[in-house]
Every structure is written in C-alpha cells, then in structure tokens.
Amino acid sequence: MTRGFGICLIIMIVCELISAASQMLLKKSAGISYGSWIREYVNPWVISGYLLLFAAMFLTIKAYAYADQYMHVPMLETFGYIFVLIMGRIFYKEKLTRPRILGMALILSGILVYYALG
C-alpha cells in the first residue's frame, strides 16, 4: 500500500461516514410532518443533511488527488452502504435482515476481491 492510497483510504472513510450521517439527517426530516410544503424542504434537518452531503462530495474530489489509480475512489465509496446500514440500526433501530447482511457481505467481498486482484 502506497502513502497516497493510505491518505485516499482515510479521506474516503471519513467522507463516507459524513455521507451516511447526512442520510440519517435526511431520514429524520422525512419522518416529521410539517405544516407547509416549503418547511418540508427548508428545515434544519434537511439543510444540515445537504451541507454534510456537500462536504462529503468535496472530500471525494480531494481523495482523487491521492488515489494511485482512478478506480480506488469509486470502490471505496461502497463503504457508504455499510455505514448507512450500521447507522440505521443504531439510530433508527432498523432490523438487520438476512438479505441486508448478505448484501453487506457481498459488498465487502467485492472490495476484497478488487484489491486482492488489483
């Protein structure tokens, strides 16, 4: 593992954690009833969620500068699915069903296969 890939990996993990947190904020907003349609889109949960999403996209662009190969960044973005699943379980008590666990295992195995063969 090169120094550039290590920095890219750290940036992408932070980026995907931020992205997952933004999705949790947007989900929180979706579960609340608002008096008007404008309040559904302009409220602290939505604004915070989109600001975090913007920060995550900015970090993703920065990660490309450190990636040794172009495909490192898109492959590392798949960690976001895993983080969302874990955060959904922690914050919203969502069930970890067999298909979800299988999906997580397939994502992890795909990442491992990519880096083992690459």
C-alpha atoms as a PDB file:
ATOM      1  CA  MET A   1       0.000   0.000   0.000  1.00  0.00           C
ATOM      2  CA  THR A   2       1.422   3.340  -1.025  1.00  0.00           C
ATOM      3  CA  ARG A   3       1.288   6.516   1.021  1.00  0.00           C
ATOM      4  CA  GLY A   4      -1.142   8.051  -1.485  1.00  0.00           C
ATOM      5  CA  PHE A   5      -3.540   5.141  -1.193  1.00  0.00           C
ATOM      6  CA  GLY A   6      -3.398   5.330   2.617  1.00  0.00           C
ATOM      7  CA  ILE A   7      -4.344   9.012   2.554  1.00  0.00           C
ATOM      8  CA  CYS A   8      -7.059   8.294  -0.027  1.00  0.00           C
ATOM      9  CA  LEU A   9      -8.423   5.499   2.182  1.00  0.00           C
ATOM     10  CA  ILE A  10      -8.586   7.728   5.272  1.00  0.00           C
ATOM     11  CA  ILE A  11     -10.257  10.559   3.356  1.00  0.00           C
ATOM     12  CA  MET A  12     -12.806   8.189   1.831  1.00  0.00           C
ATOM     13  CA  ILE A  13     -13.709   6.554   5.140  1.00  0.00           C
ATOM     14  CA  VAL A  14     -14.277   9.983   6.693  1.00  0.00           C
ATOM     15  CA  CYS A  15     -16.178  11.026   3.573  1.00  0.00           C
ATOM     16  CA  GLU A  16     -18.463   8.001   3.692  1.00  0.00           C
ATOM     17  CA  LEU A  17     -19.129   8.469   7.414  1.00  0.00           C
ATOM     18  CA  ILE A  18     -20.130  12.083   6.726  1.00  0.00           C
ATOM     19  CA  SER A  19     -22.297  10.977   3.809  1.00  0.00           C
ATOM     20  CA  ALA A  20     -24.028   8.343   5.947  1.00  0.00           C
ATOM     21  CA  ALA A  21     -24.642  10.946   8.667  1.00  0.00           C
ATOM     22  CA  SER A  22     -26.206  13.230   6.065  1.00  0.00           C
ATOM     23  CA  GLN A  23     -28.548  10.424   5.020  1.00  0.00           C
ATOM     24  CA  MET A  24     -29.544   9.892   8.655  1.00  0.00           C
ATOM     25  CA  LEU A  25     -30.440  13.607   8.952  1.00  0.00           C
ATOM     26  CA  LEU A  26     -32.497  13.483   5.760  1.00  0.00           C
ATOM     27  CA  LYS A  27     -34.273  10.361   7.011  1.00  0.00           C
ATOM     28  CA  LYS A  28     -35.016  12.133  10.297  1.00  0.00           C
ATOM     29  CA  SER A  29     -36.592  15.001   8.359  1.00  0.00           C
ATOM     30  CA  ALA A  30     -38.683  12.620   6.253  1.00  0.00           C
ATOM     31  CA  GLY A  31     -40.290  11.198   9.389  1.00  0.00           C
ATOM     32  CA  ILE A  32     -41.612  14.579  10.566  1.00  0.00           C
ATOM     33  CA  SER A  33     -44.860  16.194   9.405  1.00  0.00           C
ATOM     34  CA  TYR A  34     -44.595  19.866   8.519  1.00  0.00           C
ATOM     35  CA  GLY A  35     -47.330  22.468   8.153  1.00  0.00           C
ATOM     36  CA  SER A  36     -46.332  23.534   4.660  1.00  0.00           C
ATOM     37  CA  TRP A  37     -44.530  22.019   1.701  1.00  0.00           C
ATOM     38  CA  ILE A  38     -41.766  24.624   1.926  1.00  0.00           C
ATOM     39  CA  ARG A  39     -40.983  23.588   5.528  1.00  0.00           C
ATOM     40  CA  GLU A  40     -40.507  20.024   4.298  1.00  0.00           C
ATOM     41  CA  TYR A  41     -37.520  21.197   2.270  1.00  0.00           C
ATOM     42  CA  VAL A  42     -36.290  24.161   4.302  1.00  0.00           C
ATOM     43  CA  ASN A  43     -35.743  22.980   7.847  1.00  0.00           C
ATOM     44  CA  PRO A  44     -32.652  22.380   9.983  1.00  0.00           C
ATOM     45  CA  TRP A  45     -32.553  18.617   9.293  1.00  0.00           C
ATOM     46  CA  VAL A  46     -32.631  18.995   5.509  1.00  0.00           C
ATOM     47  CA  ILE A  47     -30.234  21.946   5.424  1.00  0.00           C
ATOM     48  CA  SER A  48     -27.760  20.142   7.701  1.00  0.00           C
ATOM     49  CA  GLY A  49     -28.088  16.951   5.666  1.00  0.00           C
ATOM     50  CA  TYR A  50     -27.328  18.711   2.391  1.00  0.00           C
ATOM     51  CA  LEU A  51     -24.434  20.669   3.906  1.00  0.00           C
ATOM     52  CA  LEU A  52     -22.899  17.401   5.071  1.00  0.00           C
ATOM     53  CA  LEU A  53     -23.520  15.881   1.657  1.00  0.00           C
ATOM     54  CA  PHE A  54     -21.711  18.833   0.049  1.00  0.00           C
ATOM     55  CA  ALA A  55     -18.779  18.327   2.448  1.00  0.00           C
ATOM     56  CA  ALA A  56     -18.669  14.630   1.540  1.00  0.00           C
ATOM     57  CA  MET A  57     -18.612  15.414  -2.176  1.00  0.00           C
ATOM     58  CA  PHE A  58     -15.812  17.937  -1.630  1.00  0.00           C
ATOM     59  CA  LEU A  59     -13.784  15.315   0.267  1.00  0.00           C
ATOM     60  CA  THR A  60     -14.381  12.782  -2.502  1.00  0.00           C
ATOM     61  CA  ILE A  61     -12.888  15.201  -5.011  1.00  0.00           C
ATOM     62  CA  LYS A  62      -9.893  15.678  -2.703  1.00  0.00           C
ATOM     63  CA  ALA A  63      -9.481  11.896  -2.422  1.00  0.00           C
ATOM     64  CA  TYR A  64      -8.970  11.649  -6.192  1.00  0.00           C
ATOM     65  CA  ALA A  65      -5.802  13.727  -5.785  1.00  0.00           C
ATOM     66  CA  TYR A  66      -4.285  10.998  -3.590  1.00  0.00           C
ATOM     67  CA  ALA A  67      -5.620   7.939  -5.393  1.00  0.00           C
ATOM     68  CA  ASP A  68      -2.922   5.895  -7.123  1.00  0.00           C
ATOM     69  CA  GLN A  69      -5.472   4.506  -9.542  1.00  0.00           C
ATOM     70  CA  TYR A  70      -8.688   6.045 -10.774  1.00  0.00           C
ATOM     71  CA  MET A  71     -10.880   3.163  -9.523  1.00  0.00           C
ATOM     72  CA  HIS A  72      -9.743   3.386  -5.885  1.00  0.00           C
ATOM     73  CA  VAL A  73     -12.196   6.163  -5.041  1.00  0.00           C
ATOM     74  CA  PRO A  74     -15.352   4.584  -6.546  1.00  0.00           C
ATOM     75  CA  MET A  75     -14.511   1.252  -4.924  1.00  0.00           C
ATOM     76  CA  LEU A  76     -14.080   2.900  -1.529  1.00  0.00           C
ATOM     77  CA  GLU A  77     -17.403   4.724  -1.916  1.00  0.00           C
ATOM     78  CA  THR A  78     -19.163   1.400  -1.442  1.00  0.00           C
ATOM     79  CA  PHE A  79     -18.319   1.605   2.264  1.00  0.00           C
ATOM     80  CA  GLY A  80     -21.139   4.148   2.449  1.00  0.00           C
ATOM     81  CA  TYR A  81     -23.736   1.396   2.048  1.00  0.00           C
ATOM     82  CA  ILE A  82     -22.280  -0.418   5.020  1.00  0.00           C
ATOM     83  CA  PHE A  83     -22.123   2.729   7.163  1.00  0.00           C
ATOM     84  CA  VAL A  84     -25.756   3.586   6.352  1.00  0.00           C
ATOM     85  CA  LEU A  85     -26.836   0.075   7.326  1.00  0.00           C
ATOM     86  CA  ILE A  86     -24.967   0.286  10.641  1.00  0.00           C
ATOM     87  CA  MET A  87     -26.152   3.822  11.427  1.00  0.00           C
ATOM     88  CA  GLY A  88     -29.739   2.891  10.545  1.00  0.00           C
ATOM     89  CA  ARG A  89     -29.507   0.071  13.052  1.00  0.00           C
ATOM     90  CA  ILE A  90     -28.035   2.311  15.765  1.00  0.00           C
ATOM     91  CA  PHE A  91     -30.189   5.430  15.342  1.00  0.00           C
ATOM     92  CA  TYR A  92     -33.457   4.071  13.944  1.00  0.00           C
ATOM     93  CA  LYS A  93     -33.435   0.520  15.311  1.00  0.00           C
ATOM     94  CA  GLU A  94     -33.807  -0.903  11.802  1.00  0.00           C
ATOM     95  CA  LYS A  95     -33.618  -4.670  11.629  1.00  0.00           C
ATOM     96  CA  LEU A  96     -30.595  -6.418  10.195  1.00  0.00           C
ATOM     97  CA  THR A  97     -32.361  -8.872   7.953  1.00  0.00           C
ATOM     98  CA  ARG A  98     -30.721 -11.784   6.201  1.00  0.00           C
ATOM     99  CA  PRO A  99     -30.821 -10.054   2.766  1.00  0.00           C
ATOM    100  CA  ARG A 100     -29.210  -6.922   4.228  1.00  0.00           C
ATOM    101  CA  ILE A 101     -26.441  -8.929   5.881  1.00  0.00           C
ATOM    102  CA  LEU A 102     -25.918 -10.886   2.656  1.00  0.00           C
ATOM    103  CA  GLY A 103     -25.739  -7.613   0.725  1.00  0.00           C
ATOM    104  CA  MET A 104     -23.162  -6.246   3.157  1.00  0.00           C
ATOM    105  CA  ALA A 105     -21.121  -9.435   2.828  1.00  0.00           C
ATOM    106  CA  LEU A 106     -21.241  -9.183  -0.974  1.00  0.00           C
ATOM    107  CA  ILE A 107     -20.089  -5.556  -0.855  1.00  0.00           C
ATOM    108  CA  LEU A 108     -17.198  -6.418   1.449  1.00  0.00           C
ATOM    109  CA  SER A 109     -16.212  -9.440  -0.625  1.00  0.00           C
ATOM    110  CA  GLY A 110     -16.314  -7.324  -3.791  1.00  0.00           C
ATOM    111  CA  ILE A 111     -13.976  -4.781  -2.206  1.00  0.00           C
ATOM    112  CA  LEU A 112     -11.618  -7.537  -1.056  1.00  0.00           C
ATOM    113  CA  VAL A 113     -11.605  -9.224  -4.459  1.00  0.00           C
ATOM    114  CA  TYR A 114     -10.950  -5.905  -6.216  1.00  0.00           C
ATOM    115  CA  TYR A 115      -7.950  -5.081  -4.054  1.00  0.00           C
ATOM    116  CA  ALA A 116      -6.644  -8.660  -3.980  1.00  0.00           C
ATOM    117  CA  LEU A 117      -6.634  -8.885  -7.780  1.00  0.00           C
ATOM    118  CA  GLY A 118      -5.695  -5.253  -8.433  1.00  0.00           C
END
